Amino acid sequence: MPISRVMSRLGLLVIAMSLFSSTTTAQASPPPVIGLFTDYGWDDPYVSQLKGVILTINPNARLLDLMHTVAPFDIAEGSYLLEQSAEEFPAGTIFVAVVDPQVGTDRDPVLLQTSKGKYFVGPDNGLFTHVVDNEGFSRAWKLDKPEYFRPGSTSHTFHGRDIFAPVAAHLADGVDPDRMGTPIHTLLLLPVKEPTFAGGTMAVEVLHIDRYGNVILNLSKGSEMAAKLKDGNLVKISVGKQNYSGPLVKTYGDLEKGQLMLLYGGNDLLEIAMNQGSAAKELKVEPGTVILLKP
């Protein structure tokens, strides 16, 4: 056989193997994203320490900052914001969630897998309430295997760095959750207040105030109660002894600057808003405030 033909076949084999290797690499799934959600803020080294611990354990980790400006210690608002922040992410995403005023006490560190296949690592203090309500409960583990914690002693005041971040790093590296904790069947959930209707008046609660001063309420667009509000109709708004009013509209620009309105935001929750102004400042409300609405 001429040598040129042998070389030609070898060359084709090398090319084929190279193409197979490139295709296999291209098809390999990237590691899951680890989203960080805390009340740590940006003025201290805490967020950087979380990232450093994760990357030390798992250099291939993909890190994403979701939010670090949750109101300190506010588990209820944190629960709402966590669910909203995690909603659009795909199955397999891992979230390190820390709003933990009871850090170091007898509350458990846990890992949750939702029915949508996402993972949440954090304290069992009610922070996962809205996540469970929205995505369902699949499995959970009490994190009690110190070999998967940060090497060295575990601080009583920084479980985000010493427990939650390391567990997320190992999970993203393919470690089975059953190796990192003991299965549990329930989590601590906060009481979720539903809007009520009596005597022609709705009682709703403020879930969150965004940076624009929009007052986000616990009334969803598709609910039976929401049907009592009609587009364009004026709604009486009562906060304590103070009364206001505004129409139900489609978007912020439907009224003149400085006017109060009600509308459904991108998350299909009812908001009280003000065109280019702060409805929260006008109404003097905060998360947890009860507002009365009379259609």
C-alpha atoms as a PDB file:
ATOM      1  CA  MET A   1       0.000   0.000   0.000  1.00  0.00           C
ATOM      2  CA  PRO A   2       1.470   3.408  -0.934  1.00  0.00           C
ATOM      3  CA  ILE A   3       2.583   5.409   2.068  1.00  0.00           C
ATOM      4  CA  SER A   4       0.520   8.382   0.939  1.00  0.00           C
ATOM      5  CA  ARG A   5      -2.677   6.340   1.357  1.00  0.00           C
ATOM      6  CA  VAL A   6      -1.673   5.242   4.851  1.00  0.00           C
ATOM      7  CA  MET A   7      -0.966   8.823   5.859  1.00  0.00           C
ATOM      8  CA  SER A   8      -4.225   9.936   4.312  1.00  0.00           C
ATOM      9  CA  ARG A   9      -6.199   7.448   6.396  1.00  0.00           C
ATOM     10  CA  LEU A  10      -4.308   8.418   9.532  1.00  0.00           C
ATOM     11  CA  GLY A  11      -4.993  12.046   8.809  1.00  0.00           C
ATOM     12  CA  LEU A  12      -8.693  11.384   8.391  1.00  0.00           C
ATOM     13  CA  LEU A  13      -8.708   9.452  11.688  1.00  0.00           C
ATOM     14  CA  VAL A  14      -7.001  12.336  13.509  1.00  0.00           C
ATOM     15  CA  ILE A  15      -9.454  14.827  12.027  1.00  0.00           C
ATOM     16  CA  ALA A  16     -12.427  12.652  12.971  1.00  0.00           C
ATOM     17  CA  MET A  17     -11.173  12.248  16.544  1.00  0.00           C
ATOM     18  CA  SER A  18     -10.585  15.978  16.783  1.00  0.00           C
ATOM     19  CA  LEU A  19     -14.107  16.725  15.577  1.00  0.00           C
ATOM     20  CA  PHE A  20     -15.560  14.195  18.039  1.00  0.00           C
ATOM     21  CA  SER A  21     -13.607  15.751  20.891  1.00  0.00           C
ATOM     22  CA  SER A  22     -14.759  19.266  19.952  1.00  0.00           C
ATOM     23  CA  THR A  23     -18.380  18.146  19.671  1.00  0.00           C
ATOM     24  CA  THR A  24     -18.227  16.355  23.026  1.00  0.00           C
ATOM     25  CA  THR A  25     -16.723  19.444  24.684  1.00  0.00           C
ATOM     26  CA  ALA A  26     -19.316  21.715  23.115  1.00  0.00           C
ATOM     27  CA  GLN A  27     -22.137  19.457  24.306  1.00  0.00           C
ATOM     28  CA  ALA A  28     -20.847  19.144  27.875  1.00  0.00           C
ATOM     29  CA  SER A  29     -23.185  20.895  30.296  1.00  0.00           C
ATOM     30  CA  PRO A  30     -21.723  23.908  32.109  1.00  0.00           C
ATOM     31  CA  PRO A  31     -21.634  23.736  35.903  1.00  0.00           C
ATOM     32  CA  PRO A  32     -24.760  25.065  37.619  1.00  0.00           C
ATOM     33  CA  VAL A  33     -24.936  28.719  38.554  1.00  0.00           C
ATOM     34  CA  ILE A  34     -24.603  29.527  42.262  1.00  0.00           C
ATOM     35  CA  GLY A  35     -26.728  32.599  43.041  1.00  0.00           C
ATOM     36  CA  LEU A  36     -25.912  34.606  46.169  1.00  0.00           C
ATOM     37  CA  PHE A  37     -28.749  36.276  48.082  1.00  0.00           C
ATOM     38  CA  THR A  38     -28.045  37.969  51.428  1.00  0.00           C
ATOM     39  CA  ASP A  39     -28.600  40.954  53.695  1.00  0.00           C
ATOM     40  CA  TYR A  40     -24.819  41.471  53.929  1.00  0.00           C
ATOM     41  CA  GLY A  41     -24.690  44.697  51.898  1.00  0.00           C
ATOM     42  CA  TRP A  42     -21.619  45.868  49.987  1.00  0.00           C
ATOM     43  CA  ASP A  43     -19.686  47.778  52.651  1.00  0.00           C
ATOM     44  CA  ASP A  44     -18.152  44.751  54.375  1.00  0.00           C
ATOM     45  CA  PRO A  45     -16.013  41.793  53.236  1.00  0.00           C
ATOM     46  CA  TYR A  46     -18.738  39.186  53.835  1.00  0.00           C
ATOM     47  CA  VAL A  47     -19.879  38.703  50.219  1.00  0.00           C
ATOM     48  CA  SER A  48     -16.280  38.442  49.022  1.00  0.00           C
ATOM     49  CA  GLN A  49     -15.592  35.800  51.654  1.00  0.00           C
ATOM     50  CA  LEU A  50     -18.529  33.721  50.444  1.00  0.00           C
ATOM     51  CA  LYS A  51     -17.147  33.832  46.924  1.00  0.00           C
ATOM     52  CA  GLY A  52     -13.612  33.034  48.035  1.00  0.00           C
ATOM     53  CA  VAL A  53     -14.704  29.947  49.963  1.00  0.00           C
ATOM     54  CA  ILE A  54     -16.774  28.669  47.039  1.00  0.00           C
ATOM     55  CA  LEU A  55     -13.986  29.174  44.503  1.00  0.00           C
ATOM     56  CA  THR A  56     -11.395  27.575  46.788  1.00  0.00           C
ATOM     57  CA  ILE A  57     -13.502  24.413  46.975  1.00  0.00           C
ATOM     58  CA  ASN A  58     -14.762  24.517  43.401  1.00  0.00           C
ATOM     59  CA  PRO A  59     -12.629  26.667  41.049  1.00  0.00           C
ATOM     60  CA  ASN A  60     -15.069  26.018  38.182  1.00  0.00           C
ATOM     61  CA  ALA A  61     -18.051  27.456  40.034  1.00  0.00           C
ATOM     62  CA  ARG A  62     -20.166  30.061  38.232  1.00  0.00           C
ATOM     63  CA  LEU A  63     -21.147  32.765  40.717  1.00  0.00           C
ATOM     64  CA  LEU A  64     -23.905  35.319  40.348  1.00  0.00           C
ATOM     65  CA  ASP A  65     -24.905  38.074  42.763  1.00  0.00           C
ATOM     66  CA  LEU A  66     -28.686  38.133  43.063  1.00  0.00           C
ATOM     67  CA  MET A  67     -29.149  40.603  45.908  1.00  0.00           C
ATOM     68  CA  HIS A  68     -27.189  41.705  48.972  1.00  0.00           C
ATOM     69  CA  THR A  69     -29.373  44.633  50.060  1.00  0.00           C
ATOM     70  CA  VAL A  70     -32.251  42.809  51.740  1.00  0.00           C
ATOM     71  CA  ALA A  71     -33.281  44.790  54.828  1.00  0.00           C
ATOM     72  CA  PRO A  72     -31.111  43.407  57.658  1.00  0.00           C
ATOM     73  CA  PHE A  73     -32.822  40.661  59.685  1.00  0.00           C
ATOM     74  CA  ASP A  74     -36.100  40.929  57.713  1.00  0.00           C
ATOM     75  CA  ILE A  75     -36.918  37.272  57.056  1.00  0.00           C
ATOM     76  CA  ALA A  76     -40.455  37.949  55.796  1.00  0.00           C
ATOM     77  CA  GLU A  77     -39.453  40.464  53.127  1.00  0.00           C
ATOM     78  CA  GLY A  78     -36.379  38.360  52.333  1.00  0.00           C
ATOM     79  CA  SER A  79     -38.620  35.365  51.689  1.00  0.00           C
ATOM     80  CA  TYR A  80     -40.657  37.325  49.145  1.00  0.00           C
ATOM     81  CA  LEU A  81     -37.585  38.769  47.430  1.00  0.00           C
ATOM     82  CA  LEU A  82     -35.832  35.389  47.285  1.00  0.00           C
ATOM     83  CA  GLU A  83     -38.769  33.768  45.508  1.00  0.00           C
ATOM     84  CA  GLN A  84     -38.970  36.652  43.046  1.00  0.00           C
ATOM     85  CA  SER A  85     -35.212  36.595  42.441  1.00  0.00           C
ATOM     86  CA  ALA A  86     -35.088  32.834  41.848  1.00  0.00           C
ATOM     87  CA  GLU A  87     -38.259  32.487  39.796  1.00  0.00           C
ATOM     88  CA  GLU A  88     -36.797  32.714  36.281  1.00  0.00           C
ATOM     89  CA  PHE A  89     -33.767  30.475  36.829  1.00  0.00           C
ATOM     90  CA  PRO A  90     -33.620  26.940  35.398  1.00  0.00           C
ATOM     91  CA  ALA A  91     -33.642  23.632  37.239  1.00  0.00           C
ATOM     92  CA  GLY A  92     -30.285  22.785  38.778  1.00  0.00           C
ATOM     93  CA  THR A  93     -29.518  26.351  39.868  1.00  0.00           C
ATOM     94  CA  ILE A  94     -28.158  26.602  43.410  1.00  0.00           C
ATOM     95  CA  PHE A  95     -29.015  29.521  45.684  1.00  0.00           C
ATOM     96  CA  VAL A  96     -27.111  30.498  48.812  1.00  0.00           C
ATOM     97  CA  ALA A  97     -29.690  32.493  50.778  1.00  0.00           C
ATOM     98  CA  VAL A  98     -28.739  34.190  54.046  1.00  0.00           C
ATOM     99  CA  VAL A  99     -31.018  36.405  56.101  1.00  0.00           C
ATOM    100  CA  ASP A 100     -30.226  34.898  59.456  1.00  0.00           C
ATOM    101  CA  PRO A 101     -30.784  36.866  62.671  1.00  0.00           C
ATOM    102  CA  GLN A 102     -30.764  33.581  64.645  1.00  0.00           C
ATOM    103  CA  VAL A 103     -27.343  32.498  63.350  1.00  0.00           C
ATOM    104  CA  GLY A 104     -25.579  30.299  65.889  1.00  0.00           C
ATOM    105  CA  THR A 105     -28.762  29.351  67.769  1.00  0.00           C
ATOM    106  CA  ASP A 106     -30.651  26.066  67.520  1.00  0.00           C
ATOM    107  CA  ARG A 107     -32.162  26.846  64.091  1.00  0.00           C
ATOM    108  CA  ASP A 108     -30.858  24.296  61.572  1.00  0.00           C
ATOM    109  CA  PRO A 109     -28.760  24.867  58.454  1.00  0.00           C
ATOM    110  CA  VAL A 110     -30.601  23.192  55.589  1.00  0.00           C
ATOM    111  CA  LEU A 111     -30.526  22.333  51.899  1.00  0.00           C
ATOM    112  CA  LEU A 112     -33.844  22.408  50.026  1.00  0.00           C
ATOM    113  CA  GLN A 113     -34.669  20.968  46.618  1.00  0.00           C
ATOM    114  CA  THR A 114     -37.898  22.325  45.139  1.00  0.00           C
ATOM    115  CA  SER A 115     -40.280  20.472  42.846  1.00  0.00           C
ATOM    116  CA  LYS A 116     -38.867  22.608  40.021  1.00  0.00           C
ATOM    117  CA  GLY A 117     -35.426  21.123  40.612  1.00  0.00           C
ATOM    118  CA  LYS A 118     -33.700  24.160  42.127  1.00  0.00           C
ATOM    119  CA  TYR A 119     -31.572  24.033  45.273  1.00  0.00           C
ATOM    120  CA  PHE A 120     -31.577  26.484  48.179  1.00  0.00           C
ATOM    121  CA  VAL A 121     -28.966  26.477  50.949  1.00  0.00           C
ATOM    122  CA  GLY A 122     -29.553  28.538  54.065  1.00  0.00           C
ATOM    123  CA  PRO A 123     -31.105  28.721  57.520  1.00  0.00           C
ATOM    124  CA  ASP A 124     -34.342  26.968  58.415  1.00  0.00           C
ATOM    125  CA  ASN A 125     -36.004  30.111  59.740  1.00  0.00           C
ATOM    126  CA  GLY A 126     -38.862  30.726  57.289  1.00  0.00           C
ATOM    127  CA  LEU A 127     -36.712  32.296  54.570  1.00  0.00           C
ATOM    128  CA  PHE A 128     -37.832  29.620  52.083  1.00  0.00           C
ATOM    129  CA  THR A 129     -41.575  30.125  52.690  1.00  0.00           C
ATOM    130  CA  HIS A 130     -42.426  31.852  49.395  1.00  0.00           C
ATOM    131  CA  VAL A 131     -40.094  29.553  47.448  1.00  0.00           C
ATOM    132  CA  VAL A 132     -41.899  26.478  48.760  1.00  0.00           C
ATOM    133  CA  ASP A 133     -45.307  28.061  48.116  1.00  0.00           C
ATOM    134  CA  ASN A 134     -44.362  28.898  44.530  1.00  0.00           C
ATOM    135  CA  GLU A 135     -42.150  25.957  43.525  1.00  0.00           C
ATOM    136  CA  GLY A 136     -43.228  23.134  45.828  1.00  0.00           C
ATOM    137  CA  PHE A 137     -41.251  20.981  48.233  1.00  0.00           C
ATOM    138  CA  SER A 138     -39.383  17.968  46.861  1.00  0.00           C
ATOM    139  CA  ARG A 139     -36.625  17.076  49.368  1.00  0.00           C
ATOM    140  CA  ALA A 140     -34.622  18.693  52.154  1.00  0.00           C
ATOM    141  CA  TRP A 141     -31.614  17.892  54.305  1.00  0.00           C
ATOM    142  CA  LYS A 142     -30.326  19.098  57.658  1.00  0.00           C
ATOM    143  CA  LEU A 143     -26.679  19.991  57.021  1.00  0.00           C
ATOM    144  CA  ASP A 144     -24.874  18.015  59.713  1.00  0.00           C
ATOM    145  CA  LYS A 145     -21.778  16.650  57.953  1.00  0.00           C
ATOM    146  CA  PRO A 146     -18.876  18.923  58.980  1.00  0.00           C
ATOM    147  CA  GLU A 147     -16.545  17.383  56.398  1.00  0.00           C
ATOM    148  CA  TYR A 148     -18.415  19.439  53.810  1.00  0.00           C
ATOM    149  CA  PHE A 149     -18.097  22.688  55.756  1.00  0.00           C
ATOM    150  CA  ARG A 150     -15.270  25.198  55.459  1.00  0.00           C
ATOM    151  CA  PRO A 151     -12.068  23.539  56.715  1.00  0.00           C
ATOM    152  CA  GLY A 152     -11.155  24.525  60.259  1.00  0.00           C
ATOM    153  CA  SER A 153     -13.473  25.686  63.002  1.00  0.00           C
ATOM    154  CA  THR A 154     -17.032  26.795  62.231  1.00  0.00           C
ATOM    155  CA  SER A 155     -17.893  30.269  63.459  1.00  0.00           C
ATOM    156  CA  HIS A 156     -21.047  30.708  65.527  1.00  0.00           C
ATOM    157  CA  THR A 157     -21.801  33.952  63.686  1.00  0.00           C
ATOM    158  CA  PHE A 158     -20.890  33.315  60.029  1.00  0.00           C
ATOM    159  CA  HIS A 159     -22.637  30.199  58.761  1.00  0.00           C
ATOM    160  CA  GLY A 160     -22.906  31.811  55.325  1.00  0.00           C
ATOM    161  CA  ARG A 161     -19.154  31.485  54.903  1.00  0.00           C
ATOM    162  CA  ASP A 162     -18.561  28.335  56.950  1.00  0.00           C
ATOM    163  CA  ILE A 163     -21.558  26.127  56.071  1.00  0.00           C
ATOM    164  CA  PHE A 164     -23.827  27.437  53.312  1.00  0.00           C
ATOM    165  CA  ALA A 165     -21.188  28.545  50.797  1.00  0.00           C
ATOM    166  CA  PRO A 166     -19.085  25.342  51.120  1.00  0.00           C
ATOM    167  CA  VAL A 167     -22.129  23.097  50.744  1.00  0.00           C
ATOM    168  CA  ALA A 168     -23.169  25.000  47.607  1.00  0.00           C
ATOM    169  CA  ALA A 169     -19.658  24.606  46.210  1.00  0.00           C
ATOM    170  CA  HIS A 170     -19.668  20.835  46.789  1.00  0.00           C
ATOM    171  CA  LEU A 171     -23.179  20.510  45.382  1.00  0.00           C
ATOM    172  CA  ALA A 172     -22.162  22.355  42.208  1.00  0.00           C
ATOM    173  CA  ASP A 173     -19.201  19.963  41.967  1.00  0.00           C
ATOM    174  CA  GLY A 174     -21.533  16.987  41.870  1.00  0.00           C
ATOM    175  CA  VAL A 175     -21.594  15.808  45.488  1.00  0.00           C
ATOM    176  CA  ASP A 176     -24.824  13.961  46.312  1.00  0.00           C
ATOM    177  CA  PRO A 177     -26.929  15.903  48.859  1.00  0.00           C
ATOM    178  CA  ASP A 178     -27.444  12.676  50.843  1.00  0.00           C
ATOM    179  CA  ARG A 179     -23.722  12.735  51.638  1.00  0.00           C
ATOM    180  CA  MET A 180     -23.892  16.250  53.073  1.00  0.00           C
ATOM    181  CA  GLY A 181     -26.889  15.992  55.373  1.00  0.00           C
ATOM    182  CA  THR A 182     -29.676  14.007  56.961  1.00  0.00           C
ATOM    183  CA  PRO A 183     -33.011  13.977  55.088  1.00  0.00           C
ATOM    184  CA  ILE A 184     -35.833  15.939  56.724  1.00  0.00           C
ATOM    185  CA  HIS A 185     -39.454  16.197  55.660  1.00  0.00           C
ATOM    186  CA  THR A 186     -40.559  19.624  56.844  1.00  0.00           C
ATOM    187  CA  LEU A 187     -39.204  23.155  57.001  1.00  0.00           C
ATOM    188  CA  LEU A 188     -40.189  26.094  59.153  1.00  0.00           C
ATOM    189  CA  LEU A 189     -42.616  28.222  57.127  1.00  0.00           C
ATOM    190  CA  LEU A 190     -43.871  31.696  57.979  1.00  0.00           C
ATOM    191  CA  PRO A 191     -47.606  32.336  58.166  1.00  0.00           C
ATOM    192  CA  VAL A 192     -48.552  33.846  54.811  1.00  0.00           C
ATOM    193  CA  LYS A 193     -51.284  36.441  55.188  1.00  0.00           C
ATOM    194  CA  GLU A 194     -53.968  36.436  52.528  1.00  0.00           C
ATOM    195  CA  PRO A 195     -55.995  39.525  51.598  1.00  0.00           C
ATOM    196  CA  THR A 196     -59.500  39.642  53.040  1.00  0.00           C
ATOM    197  CA  PHE A 197     -62.773  41.221  51.929  1.00  0.00           C
ATOM    198  CA  ALA A 198     -65.534  42.377  54.266  1.00  0.00           C
ATOM    199  CA  GLY A 199     -68.121  45.128  54.139  1.00  0.00           C
ATOM    200  CA  GLY A 200     -67.094  46.122  50.633  1.00  0.00           C
ATOM    201  CA  THR A 201     -63.473  46.734  51.696  1.00  0.00           C
ATOM    202  CA  MET A 202     -60.287  44.758  50.964  1.00  0.00           C
ATOM    203  CA  ALA A 203     -57.555  44.460  53.581  1.00  0.00           C
ATOM    204  CA  VAL A 204     -54.175  43.904  51.910  1.00  0.00           C
ATOM    205  CA  GLU A 205     -50.621  43.870  53.225  1.00  0.00           C
ATOM    206  CA  VAL A 206     -47.443  45.505  51.945  1.00  0.00           C
ATOM    207  CA  LEU A 207     -44.955  42.843  50.830  1.00  0.00           C
ATOM    208  CA  HIS A 208     -42.190  45.100  49.568  1.00  0.00           C
ATOM    209  CA  ILE A 209     -41.356  48.653  48.564  1.00  0.00           C
ATOM    210  CA  ASP A 210     -39.101  48.823  45.531  1.00  0.00           C
ATOM    211  CA  ARG A 211     -36.491  51.503  44.866  1.00  0.00           C
ATOM    212  CA  TYR A 212     -39.032  53.612  42.969  1.00  0.00           C
ATOM    213  CA  GLY A 213     -41.337  53.759  45.985  1.00  0.00           C
ATOM    214  CA  ASN A 214     -43.896  51.403  44.447  1.00  0.00           C
ATOM    215  CA  VAL A 215     -45.899  49.658  47.181  1.00  0.00           C
ATOM    216  CA  ILE A 216     -46.221  45.965  46.263  1.00  0.00           C
ATOM    217  CA  LEU A 217     -49.224  44.241  47.841  1.00  0.00           C
ATOM    218  CA  ASN A 218     -50.233  40.631  48.495  1.00  0.00           C
ATOM    219  CA  LEU A 219     -53.106  40.655  45.986  1.00  0.00           C
ATOM    220  CA  SER A 220     -52.471  38.769  42.742  1.00  0.00           C
ATOM    221  CA  LYS A 221     -54.061  39.637  39.435  1.00  0.00           C
ATOM    222  CA  GLY A 222     -55.753  36.305  38.809  1.00  0.00           C
ATOM    223  CA  SER A 223     -57.441  36.061  42.192  1.00  0.00           C
ATOM    224  CA  GLU A 224     -61.185  36.178  42.742  1.00  0.00           C
ATOM    225  CA  MET A 225     -60.793  39.247  44.942  1.00  0.00           C
ATOM    226  CA  ALA A 226     -58.839  41.105  42.269  1.00  0.00           C
ATOM    227  CA  ALA A 227     -61.861  40.860  39.975  1.00  0.00           C
ATOM    228  CA  LYS A 228     -63.622  43.359  42.235  1.00  0.00           C
ATOM    229  CA  LEU A 229     -61.232  46.059  40.965  1.00  0.00           C
ATOM    230  CA  LYS A 230     -62.194  47.430  37.551  1.00  0.00           C
ATOM    231  CA  ASP A 231     -59.891  49.164  35.059  1.00  0.00           C
ATOM    232  CA  GLY A 232     -60.267  52.935  35.223  1.00  0.00           C
ATOM    233  CA  ASN A 233     -62.350  52.966  38.393  1.00  0.00           C
ATOM    234  CA  LEU A 234     -61.268  55.093  41.347  1.00  0.00           C
ATOM    235  CA  VAL A 235     -60.226  53.125  44.446  1.00  0.00           C
ATOM    236  CA  LYS A 236     -60.260  54.562  47.977  1.00  0.00           C
ATOM    237  CA  ILE A 237     -56.959  53.857  49.786  1.00  0.00           C
ATOM    238  CA  SER A 238     -56.921  54.002  53.589  1.00  0.00           C
ATOM    239  CA  VAL A 239     -53.820  53.798  55.791  1.00  0.00           C
ATOM    240  CA  GLY A 240     -54.784  54.185  59.421  1.00  0.00           C
ATOM    241  CA  LYS A 241     -56.849  57.377  59.597  1.00  0.00           C
ATOM    242  CA  GLN A 242     -55.457  58.786  56.348  1.00  0.00           C
ATOM    243  CA  ASN A 243     -57.416  58.438  53.108  1.00  0.00           C
ATOM    244  CA  TYR A 244     -56.192  58.678  49.518  1.00  0.00           C
ATOM    245  CA  SER A 245     -57.503  57.567  46.151  1.00  0.00           C
ATOM    246  CA  GLY A 246     -56.282  56.506  42.745  1.00  0.00           C
ATOM    247  CA  PRO A 247     -57.621  54.704  39.671  1.00  0.00           C
ATOM    248  CA  LEU A 248     -56.682  51.210  38.509  1.00  0.00           C
ATOM    249  CA  VAL A 249     -54.606  51.713  35.340  1.00  0.00           C
ATOM    250  CA  LYS A 250     -52.433  49.684  32.961  1.00  0.00           C
ATOM    251  CA  THR A 251     -49.079  51.400  33.363  1.00  0.00           C
ATOM    252  CA  TYR A 252     -47.252  54.189  35.206  1.00  0.00           C
ATOM    253  CA  GLY A 253     -47.510  56.706  32.383  1.00  0.00           C
ATOM    254  CA  ASP A 254     -51.306  56.591  32.258  1.00  0.00           C
ATOM    255  CA  LEU A 255     -51.536  59.445  34.788  1.00  0.00           C
ATOM    256  CA  GLU A 256     -49.787  62.767  35.193  1.00  0.00           C
ATOM    257  CA  LYS A 257     -46.572  63.068  37.203  1.00  0.00           C
ATOM    258  CA  GLY A 258     -47.164  62.905  40.961  1.00  0.00           C
ATOM    259  CA  GLN A 259     -50.560  61.185  40.801  1.00  0.00           C
ATOM    260  CA  LEU A 260     -51.371  58.031  42.788  1.00  0.00           C
ATOM    261  CA  MET A 261     -52.561  54.937  40.934  1.00  0.00           C
ATOM    262  CA  LEU A 262     -53.059  51.191  41.282  1.00  0.00           C
ATOM    263  CA  LEU A 263     -51.774  48.710  38.720  1.00  0.00           C
ATOM    264  CA  TYR A 264     -50.513  45.156  38.359  1.00  0.00           C
ATOM    265  CA  GLY A 265     -46.732  44.957  38.058  1.00  0.00           C
ATOM    266  CA  GLY A 266     -44.567  42.535  36.124  1.00  0.00           C
ATOM    267  CA  ASN A 267     -45.055  39.909  38.831  1.00  0.00           C
ATOM    268  CA  ASP A 268     -48.871  40.207  38.554  1.00  0.00           C
ATOM    269  CA  LEU A 269     -49.152  41.614  42.072  1.00  0.00           C
ATOM    270  CA  LEU A 270     -51.148  44.762  42.757  1.00  0.00           C
ATOM    271  CA  GLU A 271     -49.091  47.903  43.366  1.00  0.00           C
ATOM    272  CA  ILE A 272     -49.879  51.359  44.604  1.00  0.00           C
ATOM    273  CA  ALA A 273     -47.630  53.655  42.613  1.00  0.00           C
ATOM    274  CA  MET A 274     -47.034  57.277  41.745  1.00  0.00           C
ATOM    275  CA  ASN A 275     -45.900  58.471  38.336  1.00  0.00           C
ATOM    276  CA  GLN A 276     -42.277  59.581  38.813  1.00  0.00           C
ATOM    277  CA  GLY A 277     -42.731  59.764  42.568  1.00  0.00           C
ATOM    278  CA  SER A 278     -42.770  57.591  45.680  1.00  0.00           C
ATOM    279  CA  ALA A 279     -46.137  56.196  46.683  1.00  0.00           C
ATOM    280  CA  ALA A 280     -44.504  54.742  49.795  1.00  0.00           C
ATOM    281  CA  LYS A 281     -43.462  58.188  51.013  1.00  0.00           C
ATOM    282  CA  GLU A 282     -46.873  59.629  50.199  1.00  0.00           C
ATOM    283  CA  LEU A 283     -48.699  56.879  52.103  1.00  0.00           C
ATOM    284  CA  LYS A 284     -46.045  56.541  54.841  1.00  0.00           C
ATOM    285  CA  VAL A 285     -46.056  52.726  54.707  1.00  0.00           C
ATOM    286  CA  GLU A 286     -43.482  49.962  55.073  1.00  0.00           C
ATOM    287  CA  PRO A 287     -43.455  46.165  54.593  1.00  0.00           C
ATOM    288  CA  GLY A 288     -46.103  44.621  56.831  1.00  0.00           C
ATOM    289  CA  THR A 289     -48.413  47.650  56.828  1.00  0.00           C
ATOM    290  CA  VAL A 290     -52.092  46.794  56.310  1.00  0.00           C
ATOM    291  CA  ILE A 291     -53.857  48.941  53.708  1.00  0.00           C
ATOM    292  CA  LEU A 292     -57.619  49.084  53.102  1.00  0.00           C
ATOM    293  CA  LEU A 293     -58.900  49.346  49.541  1.00  0.00           C
ATOM    294  CA  LYS A 294     -62.506  50.167  48.715  1.00  0.00           C
ATOM    295  CA  PRO A 295     -63.440  49.760  45.014  1.00  0.00           C
END
